[in-house]
Amino acid sequence: MHAEPLHPQPLRPHTATAPSVAPTQVGAAAAVGAVREQAIPQVRIDYQAAGTLKRHVSEQLLAEGKRNPSLVGAVREQRARALINEAVSVWADSAGQGVRPVSAAQERAMAAVVFDMLFRAGRLQRYLDDDRVENILINGHDQCFLDFGDERLVRVEPVADSEEELRELVRDLARTSGQGERTFSTGHPLLALRLADGSRLEAMCEVTGERTYVTIRRHRIKDADLDEMAALGTVTPAVKQFLSACVRAERNVMIVGEQNSGKTSLLRALLKEIPPGERFGTLETEFELWAHRNGFHQQVVPMEARESNGERVDGRAAGEITLLDLMRRALRMSLTRIVVGEVRGPEITALMQALTNGRGGNLCTMHASAPHVVFDRIAELYLLAQGNFSSELAYRQIANGLHLIVFLSIDHTGPRKRRYVSHVWEITGVGEGGRPAYNEIFGPDAEWAPAQAVPRTPPSPGMLKRLEAAGFDAQVLHLPGAWRPGVHV
């Protein structure tokens, strides 16, 4: 991270009455204790009092719910707002007996925080509501940092006053996630969770010493199509047209890149090239693609893996449903395509079998640090699957079933991180030593910053014929300047 000036703008509160945030820049200077703070006007919140009010209102709601079974959903939230306003008014009268009475702004801010504690993400919610935030990094209860995607971390007000309060916040998020029984405790110190806004949460305790560590990855680009990805500079016009035709031509595509390189965002955009009425399935550890809720597709079968409840029956974790389990069932669901949000385990073997047996058009993502390690990365996952799988089998199935690899890179040299497609490889069969052979259709141009993909080698005749049948104009690969990158924002 760079030691640069403070973030140019203070965080926006999630409502007009919510507390503001005082950010602190963290960079190389912070590593030696030279952390600078930016003081901005803010409404101070007594979070201990907010916690007391939350418990009081929660008990009232519980008691009323026992008498009135219809007090659920939106009705319960509306009743909670009334109870919160009453409780905050009483608190303000009591707290205002001193020299400095409670202002109307403080009352509104307190009511907003108590509501967030009851129904949303508590003190964490204001950071989730800021669309500029890419990642939230919590290193114990007293250290919270925001990543705005500009190579700097901003230290902000903590989301808890103690480690136990932080863990209770994580447990509250798990209980309200709707993802089945998920616990976070000494017995279950690791937790993966999808939040209500689609963000991904990873939490650890006990195995990390005395502190609790939480990482939340946001999805700032949720509904973009390929045109919007081109405007962002993620794909060039030529790459956009090529990938669009690949999806329409039912080619099997694997999107690869390092962590946080934009793989999921590009996959969402590619899904919008699938006809609205086509029936396909999505397989994910936590829902992030949202193809079944994008208002565009009509025949999506969404499948989400499920963690175990902690017990083991016949040597297997009870209640657990893995991506491999879902993959086997998906092959019986009369789906034209299978889309895997992220391949990172033994499900790779079932996916590659689907690529070789199906008609094509399957899509997936996978982590890899560089294009040239993709084949070995797949082979590693094959070996982790055990059974009779081998590197040779992995290479053979790649050559026979996978048509294209799209690699995303990240440029860290500018004021903001820029994510872009740098390579597109066509798999052309078995090559030297039994490894897959490939044709680099697009590769990076070192004269540009960032080094985005430009046309290198024409597709194979068979690939080009299929793409042209799907409406691809091969002239875009030959027109000078046709692949010039878009404007980065």
Protein backbone atom coordinates (compact mmCIF):
# COMPACT_ATOMS: atom_id res chain seq x y z
CA MET A 1 0.00 0.00 0.00
CA HIS A 2 1.25 3.52 -0.84
CA ALA A 3 1.85 6.19 1.79
CA GLU A 4 -0.10 8.92 0.03
CA PRO A 5 -2.32 11.83 1.16
CA LEU A 6 -5.49 11.15 3.04
CA HIS A 7 -8.54 9.87 1.22
CA PRO A 8 -10.01 12.94 -0.48
CA GLN A 9 -13.53 12.54 0.84
CA PRO A 10 -14.94 11.52 4.23
CA LEU A 11 -17.14 8.48 4.37
CA ARG A 12 -20.80 9.10 3.64
CA PRO A 13 -23.16 7.96 6.43
CA HIS A 14 -25.77 5.40 5.46
CA THR A 15 -28.65 7.75 6.31
CA ALA A 16 -28.90 11.49 6.67
CA THR A 17 -28.97 11.04 10.43
CA ALA A 18 -26.38 8.32 10.87
CA PRO A 19 -23.01 9.07 12.47
CA SER A 20 -20.21 10.32 10.25
CA VAL A 21 -16.88 8.55 10.11
CA ALA A 22 -13.46 9.96 10.80
CA PRO A 23 -11.05 8.16 8.45
CA THR A 24 -7.35 7.72 9.10
CA GLN A 25 -4.89 7.12 6.26
CA VAL A 26 -2.76 4.00 6.62
CA GLY A 27 0.23 3.43 4.39
CA ALA A 28 3.96 2.89 4.69
CA ALA A 29 4.08 5.70 7.24
CA ALA A 30 1.64 3.79 9.42
CA ALA A 31 4.05 0.88 9.61
CA VAL A 32 6.43 3.09 11.60
CA GLY A 33 3.73 4.72 13.66
CA ALA A 34 3.26 7.85 11.56
CA VAL A 35 -0.50 7.48 11.20
CA ARG A 36 -2.28 10.70 10.37
CA GLU A 37 -5.91 11.37 11.22
CA GLN A 38 -8.43 13.62 9.50
CA ALA A 39 -10.84 15.22 11.94
CA ILE A 40 -14.28 15.91 10.49
CA PRO A 41 -17.56 16.92 12.11
CA GLN A 42 -19.46 13.92 13.39
CA VAL A 43 -22.32 12.89 15.61
CA ARG A 44 -20.94 10.99 18.56
CA ILE A 45 -22.71 7.76 19.47
CA ASP A 46 -22.68 6.06 22.85
CA TYR A 47 -22.51 2.48 21.59
CA GLN A 48 -22.80 1.01 25.05
CA ALA A 49 -26.13 2.80 25.42
CA ALA A 50 -27.10 1.69 21.91
CA GLY A 51 -26.45 -1.93 22.88
CA THR A 52 -28.62 -1.56 25.96
CA LEU A 53 -31.44 -0.05 23.88
CA LYS A 54 -31.11 -2.85 21.34
CA ARG A 55 -31.52 -5.52 24.03
CA HIS A 56 -34.48 -3.68 25.54
CA VAL A 57 -36.32 -3.37 22.22
CA SER A 58 -35.45 -6.96 21.30
CA GLU A 59 -37.06 -8.22 24.51
CA GLN A 60 -40.18 -6.14 23.79
CA LEU A 61 -40.40 -7.53 20.24
CA LEU A 62 -39.99 -11.07 21.53
CA ALA A 63 -42.77 -10.62 24.07
CA GLU A 64 -45.12 -9.03 21.53
CA GLY A 65 -44.30 -11.73 18.99
CA LYS A 66 -45.46 -14.43 21.39
CA ARG A 67 -48.82 -12.67 21.73
CA ASN A 68 -49.12 -11.78 18.04
CA PRO A 69 -47.82 -14.43 15.59
CA SER A 70 -48.39 -12.05 12.65
CA LEU A 71 -45.62 -9.78 13.91
CA VAL A 72 -43.07 -10.86 11.31
CA GLY A 73 -41.21 -9.41 8.35
CA ALA A 74 -41.94 -5.81 7.43
CA VAL A 75 -44.63 -5.55 10.12
CA ARG A 76 -42.09 -6.50 12.79
CA GLU A 77 -39.58 -3.96 11.48
CA GLN A 78 -42.20 -1.22 11.48
CA ARG A 79 -43.16 -2.04 15.06
CA ALA A 80 -39.48 -2.08 15.98
CA ARG A 81 -39.04 1.46 14.63
CA ALA A 82 -41.82 2.68 16.89
CA LEU A 83 -40.34 0.92 19.93
CA ILE A 84 -36.88 2.24 19.11
CA ASN A 85 -38.13 5.81 18.86
CA GLU A 86 -39.84 5.46 22.24
CA ALA A 87 -36.77 3.94 23.87
CA VAL A 88 -34.43 6.56 22.39
CA SER A 89 -36.71 9.35 23.56
CA VAL A 90 -36.61 8.00 27.12
CA TRP A 91 -32.83 7.61 26.90
CA ALA A 92 -32.42 11.17 25.58
CA ASP A 93 -34.50 12.60 28.43
CA SER A 94 -32.37 10.72 30.94
CA ALA A 95 -29.03 11.51 29.28
CA GLY A 96 -29.99 15.16 28.79
CA GLN A 97 -30.11 15.88 32.53
CA GLY A 98 -26.46 16.88 32.41
CA VAL A 99 -24.78 20.02 31.10
CA ARG A 100 -25.05 19.08 27.40
CA PRO A 101 -28.53 17.86 26.41
CA VAL A 102 -28.98 15.30 23.64
CA SER A 103 -29.64 16.97 20.28
CA ALA A 104 -32.28 15.89 17.77
CA ALA A 105 -29.48 14.80 15.41
CA GLN A 106 -28.04 12.56 18.14
CA GLU A 107 -31.47 11.04 18.76
CA ARG A 108 -31.93 10.26 15.06
CA ALA A 109 -28.43 8.83 14.80
CA MET A 110 -28.96 6.67 17.90
CA ALA A 111 -32.26 5.35 16.51
CA ALA A 112 -30.56 4.47 13.20
CA VAL A 113 -27.73 2.60 14.97
CA VAL A 114 -30.14 0.63 17.19
CA PHE A 115 -32.19 -0.37 14.13
CA ASP A 116 -29.02 -1.51 12.36
CA MET A 117 -28.05 -3.56 15.41
CA LEU A 118 -31.43 -5.29 15.36
CA PHE A 119 -32.01 -5.85 11.66
CA ARG A 120 -28.87 -5.12 9.70
CA ALA A 121 -25.12 -5.30 10.36
CA GLY A 122 -24.91 -3.10 13.42
CA ARG A 123 -22.01 -0.66 13.52
CA LEU A 124 -20.64 -2.31 10.39
CA GLN A 125 -23.64 -1.24 8.30
CA ARG A 126 -22.47 2.30 7.54
CA TYR A 127 -19.38 0.91 5.81
CA LEU A 128 -21.47 -1.59 3.84
CA ASP A 129 -23.70 1.28 2.70
CA ASP A 130 -20.80 3.23 1.18
CA ASP A 131 -20.65 2.21 -2.49
CA ARG A 132 -17.03 3.30 -2.78
CA VAL A 133 -15.75 0.66 -0.37
CA GLU A 134 -14.24 -2.44 -2.01
CA ASN A 135 -13.06 -4.32 1.05
CA ILE A 136 -13.51 -4.07 4.81
CA LEU A 137 -10.64 -5.42 6.91
CA ILE A 138 -11.15 -5.94 10.64
CA ASN A 139 -8.08 -6.92 12.68
CA GLY A 140 -9.55 -7.32 16.12
CA HIS A 141 -12.29 -5.25 17.70
CA ASP A 142 -10.29 -1.99 17.77
CA GLN A 143 -8.87 -1.95 14.23
CA CYS A 144 -11.07 -1.49 11.15
CA PHE A 145 -9.75 -0.49 7.73
CA LEU A 146 -11.47 0.30 4.43
CA ASP A 147 -10.06 -0.36 0.97
CA PHE A 148 -11.40 2.05 -1.64
CA GLY A 149 -9.54 0.41 -4.51
CA ASP A 150 -6.99 3.22 -4.71
CA GLU A 151 -3.97 1.46 -3.21
CA ARG A 152 -4.59 2.94 0.24
CA LEU A 153 -6.20 1.73 3.40
CA VAL A 154 -8.29 4.10 5.49
CA ARG A 155 -8.56 3.43 9.20
CA VAL A 156 -12.04 4.13 10.53
CA GLU A 157 -14.00 3.86 13.74
CA PRO A 158 -14.17 0.29 15.13
CA VAL A 159 -17.33 -1.80 14.80
CA ALA A 160 -17.13 -3.29 18.31
CA ASP A 161 -15.81 -2.41 21.76
CA SER A 162 -14.46 -5.86 22.62
CA GLU A 163 -13.50 -9.14 20.98
CA GLU A 164 -16.62 -10.81 22.36
CA GLU A 165 -18.81 -8.03 20.93
CA LEU A 166 -17.13 -8.45 17.53
CA ARG A 167 -17.73 -12.19 17.61
CA GLU A 168 -21.33 -11.64 18.62
CA LEU A 169 -21.72 -9.32 15.62
CA VAL A 170 -20.41 -12.07 13.34
CA ARG A 171 -22.75 -14.59 14.97
CA ASP A 172 -25.69 -12.20 14.43
CA LEU A 173 -24.79 -11.92 10.75
CA ALA A 174 -24.61 -15.71 10.51
CA ARG A 175 -28.01 -16.15 12.14
CA THR A 176 -29.71 -13.71 9.79
CA SER A 177 -27.93 -14.80 6.60
CA GLY A 178 -30.54 -17.38 5.60
CA GLN A 179 -27.77 -19.86 4.75
CA GLY A 180 -28.66 -22.55 7.22
CA GLU A 181 -27.06 -23.24 10.57
CA ARG A 182 -23.67 -21.54 10.70
CA THR A 183 -21.82 -21.08 13.99
CA PHE A 184 -18.76 -19.06 15.03
CA SER A 185 -17.16 -20.20 18.25
CA THR A 186 -14.20 -21.99 19.79
CA GLY A 187 -15.50 -25.23 18.32
CA HIS A 188 -16.09 -23.62 14.90
CA PRO A 189 -13.50 -20.85 14.56
CA LEU A 190 -13.78 -20.45 10.76
CA LEU A 191 -16.78 -18.94 9.02
CA ALA A 192 -17.62 -18.11 5.39
CA LEU A 193 -20.78 -16.11 4.85
CA ARG A 194 -22.76 -14.21 2.24
CA LEU A 195 -24.22 -10.96 3.58
CA ALA A 196 -27.58 -9.52 2.60
CA ASP A 197 -26.03 -7.19 0.00
CA GLY A 198 -24.08 -10.06 -1.61
CA SER A 199 -20.75 -9.25 0.04
CA ARG A 200 -18.54 -12.17 1.07
CA LEU A 201 -17.44 -12.42 4.70
CA GLU A 202 -14.59 -14.58 6.00
CA ALA A 203 -14.03 -14.66 9.76
CA MET A 204 -11.49 -16.38 12.00
CA CYS A 205 -11.07 -16.61 15.76
CA GLU A 206 -9.08 -18.77 18.19
CA VAL A 207 -6.65 -19.87 15.45
CA THR A 208 -5.55 -16.24 15.15
CA GLY A 209 -4.42 -15.66 18.72
CA GLU A 210 -6.49 -13.41 20.95
CA ARG A 211 -7.90 -11.33 18.09
CA THR A 212 -10.78 -11.96 15.73
CA TYR A 213 -10.12 -11.27 12.05
CA VAL A 214 -12.86 -10.46 9.57
CA THR A 215 -12.52 -9.74 5.85
CA ILE A 216 -15.50 -8.53 3.80
CA ARG A 217 -15.22 -8.39 0.03
CA ARG A 218 -17.71 -6.07 -1.61
CA HIS A 219 -19.19 -6.32 -5.10
CA ARG A 220 -19.19 -2.77 -6.44
CA ILE A 221 -19.93 -3.83 -10.02
CA LYS A 222 -22.97 -6.09 -9.74
CA ASP A 223 -25.07 -5.68 -12.87
CA ALA A 224 -22.66 -4.59 -15.60
CA ASP A 225 -22.87 -6.08 -19.07
CA LEU A 226 -19.99 -6.30 -21.54
CA ASP A 227 -20.62 -2.78 -22.85
CA GLU A 228 -20.21 -1.40 -19.34
CA MET A 229 -17.13 -3.55 -18.76
CA ALA A 230 -15.66 -2.03 -21.92
CA ALA A 231 -16.45 1.48 -20.64
CA LEU A 232 -14.63 0.64 -17.40
CA GLY A 233 -11.61 -0.53 -19.38
CA THR A 234 -11.85 -4.15 -18.24
CA VAL A 235 -12.20 -5.35 -21.85
CA THR A 236 -11.24 -3.64 -25.09
CA PRO A 237 -13.83 -3.38 -27.89
CA ALA A 238 -12.23 -6.27 -29.77
CA VAL A 239 -12.09 -8.50 -26.68
CA LYS A 240 -15.68 -7.58 -25.87
CA GLN A 241 -16.94 -8.67 -29.29
CA PHE A 242 -14.83 -11.81 -29.21
CA LEU A 243 -16.00 -12.96 -25.75
CA SER A 244 -19.62 -12.15 -26.58
CA ALA A 245 -19.40 -14.40 -29.63
CA CYS A 246 -17.70 -17.14 -27.58
CA VAL A 247 -20.66 -17.31 -25.21
CA ARG A 248 -23.19 -17.28 -28.04
CA ALA A 249 -21.17 -19.95 -29.88
CA GLU A 250 -21.31 -22.17 -26.78
CA ARG A 251 -17.57 -22.31 -26.14
CA ASN A 252 -16.32 -23.48 -22.73
CA VAL A 253 -14.61 -20.52 -21.05
CA MET A 254 -12.52 -20.36 -17.87
CA ILE A 255 -11.89 -16.89 -16.38
CA VAL A 256 -8.65 -16.80 -14.41
CA GLY A 257 -6.75 -14.25 -12.36
CA GLU A 258 -5.39 -13.42 -8.96
CA GLN A 259 -7.60 -12.58 -6.02
CA ASN A 260 -9.73 -9.45 -6.44
CA SER A 261 -8.93 -9.14 -10.17
CA GLY A 262 -12.59 -8.86 -11.23
CA LYS A 263 -13.29 -12.46 -12.30
CA THR A 264 -16.80 -12.56 -10.84
CA SER A 265 -17.72 -9.19 -12.34
CA LEU A 266 -16.62 -10.32 -15.80
CA LEU A 267 -18.47 -13.62 -15.40
CA ARG A 268 -21.69 -11.77 -14.53
CA ALA A 269 -21.28 -9.71 -17.69
CA LEU A 270 -20.71 -12.81 -19.83
CA LEU A 271 -23.86 -14.42 -18.43
CA LYS A 272 -25.90 -11.63 -20.02
CA GLU A 273 -24.79 -12.92 -23.41
CA ILE A 274 -26.77 -16.12 -22.75
CA PRO A 275 -30.29 -15.86 -24.24
CA PRO A 276 -32.93 -14.97 -21.61
CA GLY A 277 -34.95 -18.16 -22.11
CA GLU A 278 -32.06 -20.62 -22.02
CA ARG A 279 -32.02 -22.99 -19.03
CA PHE A 280 -28.69 -23.10 -17.21
CA GLY A 281 -27.46 -23.68 -13.68
CA THR A 282 -25.15 -21.71 -11.40
CA LEU A 283 -23.08 -23.47 -8.72
CA GLU A 284 -21.51 -21.36 -5.97
CA THR A 285 -20.19 -21.63 -2.43
CA GLU A 286 -22.01 -18.35 -1.70
CA PHE A 287 -24.36 -16.68 -4.19
CA GLU A 288 -22.50 -13.89 -6.01
CA LEU A 289 -23.61 -14.19 -9.62
CA TRP A 290 -27.33 -13.55 -8.96
CA ALA A 291 -28.32 -14.67 -12.45
CA HIS A 292 -31.62 -15.91 -10.99
CA ARG A 293 -32.40 -12.39 -9.76
CA ASN A 294 -30.98 -10.17 -12.49
CA GLY A 295 -34.34 -9.59 -14.18
CA PHE A 296 -32.94 -10.84 -17.48
CA HIS A 297 -32.79 -14.63 -17.35
CA GLN A 298 -35.93 -16.73 -16.90
CA GLN A 299 -34.66 -20.32 -16.60
CA VAL A 300 -31.79 -20.23 -14.10
CA VAL A 301 -31.37 -23.02 -11.55
CA PRO A 302 -29.26 -21.48 -8.73
CA MET A 303 -27.38 -23.90 -6.48
CA GLU A 304 -25.48 -22.91 -3.34
CA ALA A 305 -23.21 -25.15 -1.29
CA ARG A 306 -23.94 -25.63 2.39
CA GLU A 307 -21.62 -26.04 5.34
CA SER A 308 -21.93 -28.81 7.89
CA ASN A 309 -23.66 -28.32 11.22
CA GLY A 310 -20.51 -29.69 12.86
CA GLU A 311 -21.58 -33.31 13.37
CA ARG A 312 -20.22 -36.27 11.44
CA VAL A 313 -22.24 -39.24 10.25
CA ASP A 314 -20.55 -42.26 8.65
CA GLY A 315 -17.33 -40.30 8.32
CA ARG A 316 -18.94 -37.35 6.55
CA ALA A 317 -19.88 -33.92 7.87
CA ALA A 318 -23.64 -33.96 8.49
CA GLY A 319 -25.67 -31.51 6.46
CA GLU A 320 -22.78 -30.53 4.22
CA ILE A 321 -23.45 -30.08 0.50
CA THR A 322 -20.32 -29.45 -1.54
CA LEU A 323 -19.87 -28.05 -5.03
CA LEU A 324 -18.97 -31.57 -6.11
CA ASP A 325 -22.35 -32.81 -4.81
CA LEU A 326 -24.11 -30.02 -6.68
CA MET A 327 -22.13 -30.70 -9.85
CA ARG A 328 -23.27 -34.32 -9.92
CA ARG A 329 -26.91 -33.29 -9.48
CA ALA A 330 -26.65 -30.47 -12.00
CA LEU A 331 -25.77 -32.94 -14.72
CA ARG A 332 -29.27 -34.42 -14.29
CA MET A 333 -31.22 -31.17 -14.38
CA SER A 334 -31.61 -30.80 -18.17
CA LEU A 335 -29.35 -27.76 -18.21
CA THR A 336 -27.82 -26.41 -21.41
CA ARG A 337 -24.89 -24.91 -19.51
CA ILE A 338 -23.24 -25.14 -16.12
CA VAL A 339 -21.69 -22.04 -14.55
CA VAL A 340 -19.38 -22.47 -11.55
CA GLY A 341 -18.72 -19.28 -9.63
CA GLU A 342 -15.29 -20.42 -8.49
CA VAL A 343 -13.51 -23.74 -8.94
CA ARG A 344 -11.12 -24.44 -6.05
CA GLY A 345 -11.44 -28.09 -5.10
CA PRO A 346 -12.31 -31.61 -6.25
CA GLU A 347 -15.35 -30.31 -8.17
CA ILE A 348 -12.87 -29.53 -10.97
CA THR A 349 -12.95 -33.20 -11.97
CA ALA A 350 -16.72 -33.27 -12.42
CA LEU A 351 -16.62 -29.93 -14.22
CA MET A 352 -14.00 -31.08 -16.71
CA GLN A 353 -16.03 -34.24 -17.37
CA ALA A 354 -19.03 -32.01 -18.06
CA LEU A 355 -16.92 -29.96 -20.48
CA THR A 356 -15.98 -33.05 -22.46
CA ASN A 357 -19.46 -34.63 -22.40
CA GLY A 358 -21.79 -31.66 -22.86
CA ARG A 359 -22.57 -29.50 -25.86
CA GLY A 360 -20.52 -26.55 -24.59
CA GLY A 361 -21.05 -23.04 -23.33
CA ASN A 362 -20.01 -23.73 -19.74
CA LEU A 363 -18.33 -20.97 -17.73
CA CYS A 364 -16.27 -20.86 -14.55
CA THR A 365 -13.59 -18.90 -12.69
CA MET A 366 -10.41 -20.04 -10.97
CA HIS A 367 -7.57 -18.41 -9.06
CA ALA A 368 -4.13 -18.37 -10.68
CA SER A 369 -1.23 -15.95 -10.47
CA ALA A 370 -0.34 -16.00 -14.18
CA PRO A 371 -1.64 -17.54 -17.42
CA HIS A 372 1.21 -20.04 -17.73
CA VAL A 373 0.36 -21.70 -14.38
CA VAL A 374 -3.30 -22.42 -15.24
CA PHE A 375 -2.72 -25.93 -16.57
CA ASP A 376 -0.67 -26.95 -13.55
CA ARG A 377 -3.19 -25.34 -11.22
CA ILE A 378 -5.93 -27.54 -12.68
CA ALA A 379 -3.65 -30.56 -12.38
CA GLU A 380 -3.03 -29.76 -8.70
CA LEU A 381 -6.79 -29.73 -8.05
CA TYR A 382 -7.07 -33.09 -9.80
CA LEU A 383 -4.47 -34.59 -7.49
CA LEU A 384 -6.23 -33.11 -4.43
CA ALA A 385 -9.38 -34.94 -5.55
CA GLN A 386 -7.46 -38.22 -5.08
CA GLY A 387 -9.22 -41.24 -6.59
CA ASN A 388 -7.65 -42.29 -9.89
CA PHE A 389 -7.02 -38.76 -11.06
CA SER A 390 -3.63 -37.72 -12.38
CA SER A 391 -1.89 -34.80 -14.04
CA GLU A 392 -1.98 -36.65 -17.35
CA LEU A 393 -5.75 -37.04 -17.13
CA ALA A 394 -6.12 -33.36 -16.22
CA TYR A 395 -4.06 -32.27 -19.23
CA ARG A 396 -6.01 -34.55 -21.55
CA GLN A 397 -9.39 -33.30 -20.36
CA ILE A 398 -8.25 -29.68 -20.62
CA ALA A 399 -7.20 -30.31 -24.20
CA ASN A 400 -10.45 -32.08 -25.05
CA GLY A 401 -13.00 -29.98 -23.15
CA LEU A 402 -11.78 -26.46 -22.40
CA HIS A 403 -11.90 -24.04 -25.33
CA LEU A 404 -10.74 -20.70 -23.93
CA ILE A 405 -8.85 -19.22 -20.98
CA VAL A 406 -9.40 -15.53 -20.21
CA PHE A 407 -6.84 -14.02 -17.84
CA LEU A 408 -7.45 -10.85 -15.82
CA SER A 409 -4.59 -8.70 -14.56
CA ILE A 410 -4.38 -5.79 -12.11
CA ASP A 411 -2.40 -2.60 -12.71
CA HIS A 412 -1.22 -0.99 -9.46
CA THR A 413 0.70 1.95 -10.94
CA GLY A 414 -2.08 4.54 -11.15
CA PRO A 415 -4.10 6.35 -8.49
CA ARG A 416 -6.62 3.47 -8.57
CA LYS A 417 -6.28 -0.23 -9.20
CA ARG A 418 -7.24 -1.07 -12.78
CA ARG A 419 -8.48 -4.53 -13.69
CA TYR A 420 -8.38 -5.67 -17.29
CA VAL A 421 -8.20 -8.69 -19.59
CA SER A 422 -4.56 -9.19 -20.57
CA HIS A 423 -4.66 -12.63 -22.24
CA VAL A 424 -7.12 -14.79 -24.15
CA TRP A 425 -5.87 -18.27 -25.01
CA GLU A 426 -7.55 -20.80 -27.27
CA ILE A 427 -6.85 -24.42 -26.28
CA THR A 428 -5.96 -26.24 -29.48
CA GLY A 429 -5.40 -29.83 -28.34
CA VAL A 430 -2.58 -31.92 -26.90
CA GLY A 431 0.87 -30.44 -27.29
CA GLU A 432 4.44 -31.31 -26.44
CA GLY A 433 4.89 -33.65 -23.50
CA GLY A 434 1.15 -34.27 -23.28
CA ARG A 435 0.45 -30.76 -22.01
CA PRO A 436 -2.36 -28.73 -23.59
CA ALA A 437 -1.38 -26.62 -26.57
CA TYR A 438 -2.74 -23.13 -26.92
CA ASN A 439 -3.03 -20.24 -29.33
CA GLU A 440 -2.69 -16.73 -27.87
CA ILE A 441 -5.47 -14.88 -29.65
CA PHE A 442 -5.04 -11.79 -27.46
CA GLY A 443 -1.97 -10.83 -25.49
CA PRO A 444 -0.68 -7.79 -23.60
CA ASP A 445 0.71 -4.78 -25.41
CA ALA A 446 3.65 -3.45 -23.42
CA GLU A 447 3.35 -0.03 -25.07
CA TRP A 448 0.11 0.65 -23.23
CA ALA A 449 -0.39 1.20 -19.54
CA PRO A 450 -2.05 -0.97 -18.46
CA ALA A 451 -0.85 -3.70 -20.81
CA GLN A 452 -4.26 -4.70 -22.11
CA ALA A 453 -4.90 -7.54 -24.53
CA VAL A 454 -4.53 -6.80 -28.24
CA PRO A 455 -4.95 -9.24 -31.16
CA ARG A 456 -1.95 -11.54 -31.55
CA THR A 457 -2.86 -14.64 -33.52
CA PRO A 458 -6.05 -15.46 -35.44
CA PRO A 459 -8.31 -18.13 -33.94
CA SER A 460 -8.08 -21.62 -35.40
CA PRO A 461 -10.27 -22.18 -38.49
CA GLY A 462 -12.71 -24.34 -36.53
CA MET A 463 -13.05 -21.75 -33.72
CA LEU A 464 -13.39 -18.88 -36.18
CA LYS A 465 -16.10 -20.69 -38.13
CA ARG A 466 -18.18 -21.19 -34.97
CA LEU A 467 -17.70 -17.59 -33.89
CA GLU A 468 -18.68 -16.19 -37.27
CA ALA A 469 -21.80 -18.37 -37.22
CA ALA A 470 -22.61 -16.67 -33.90
CA GLY A 471 -22.28 -13.22 -35.47
CA PHE A 472 -18.61 -12.41 -34.88
CA ASP A 473 -16.95 -10.07 -37.38
CA ALA A 474 -13.33 -11.19 -37.70
CA GLN A 475 -12.39 -7.80 -39.16
CA VAL A 476 -12.17 -6.37 -35.64
CA LEU A 477 -8.99 -8.42 -35.19
CA HIS A 478 -7.31 -6.63 -38.09
CA LEU A 479 -8.44 -3.01 -37.95
CA PRO A 480 -5.68 -0.76 -36.50
CA GLY A 481 -6.81 0.88 -33.27
CA ALA A 482 -10.05 -1.11 -33.10
CA TRP A 483 -8.99 -2.56 -29.78
CA ARG A 484 -7.95 0.71 -28.10
CA PRO A 485 -8.89 0.58 -24.39
CA GLY A 486 -11.82 2.45 -22.97
CA VAL A 487 -11.79 5.16 -20.34
CA HIS A 488 -10.94 4.04 -16.81
CA VAL A 489 -13.09 5.27 -13.95
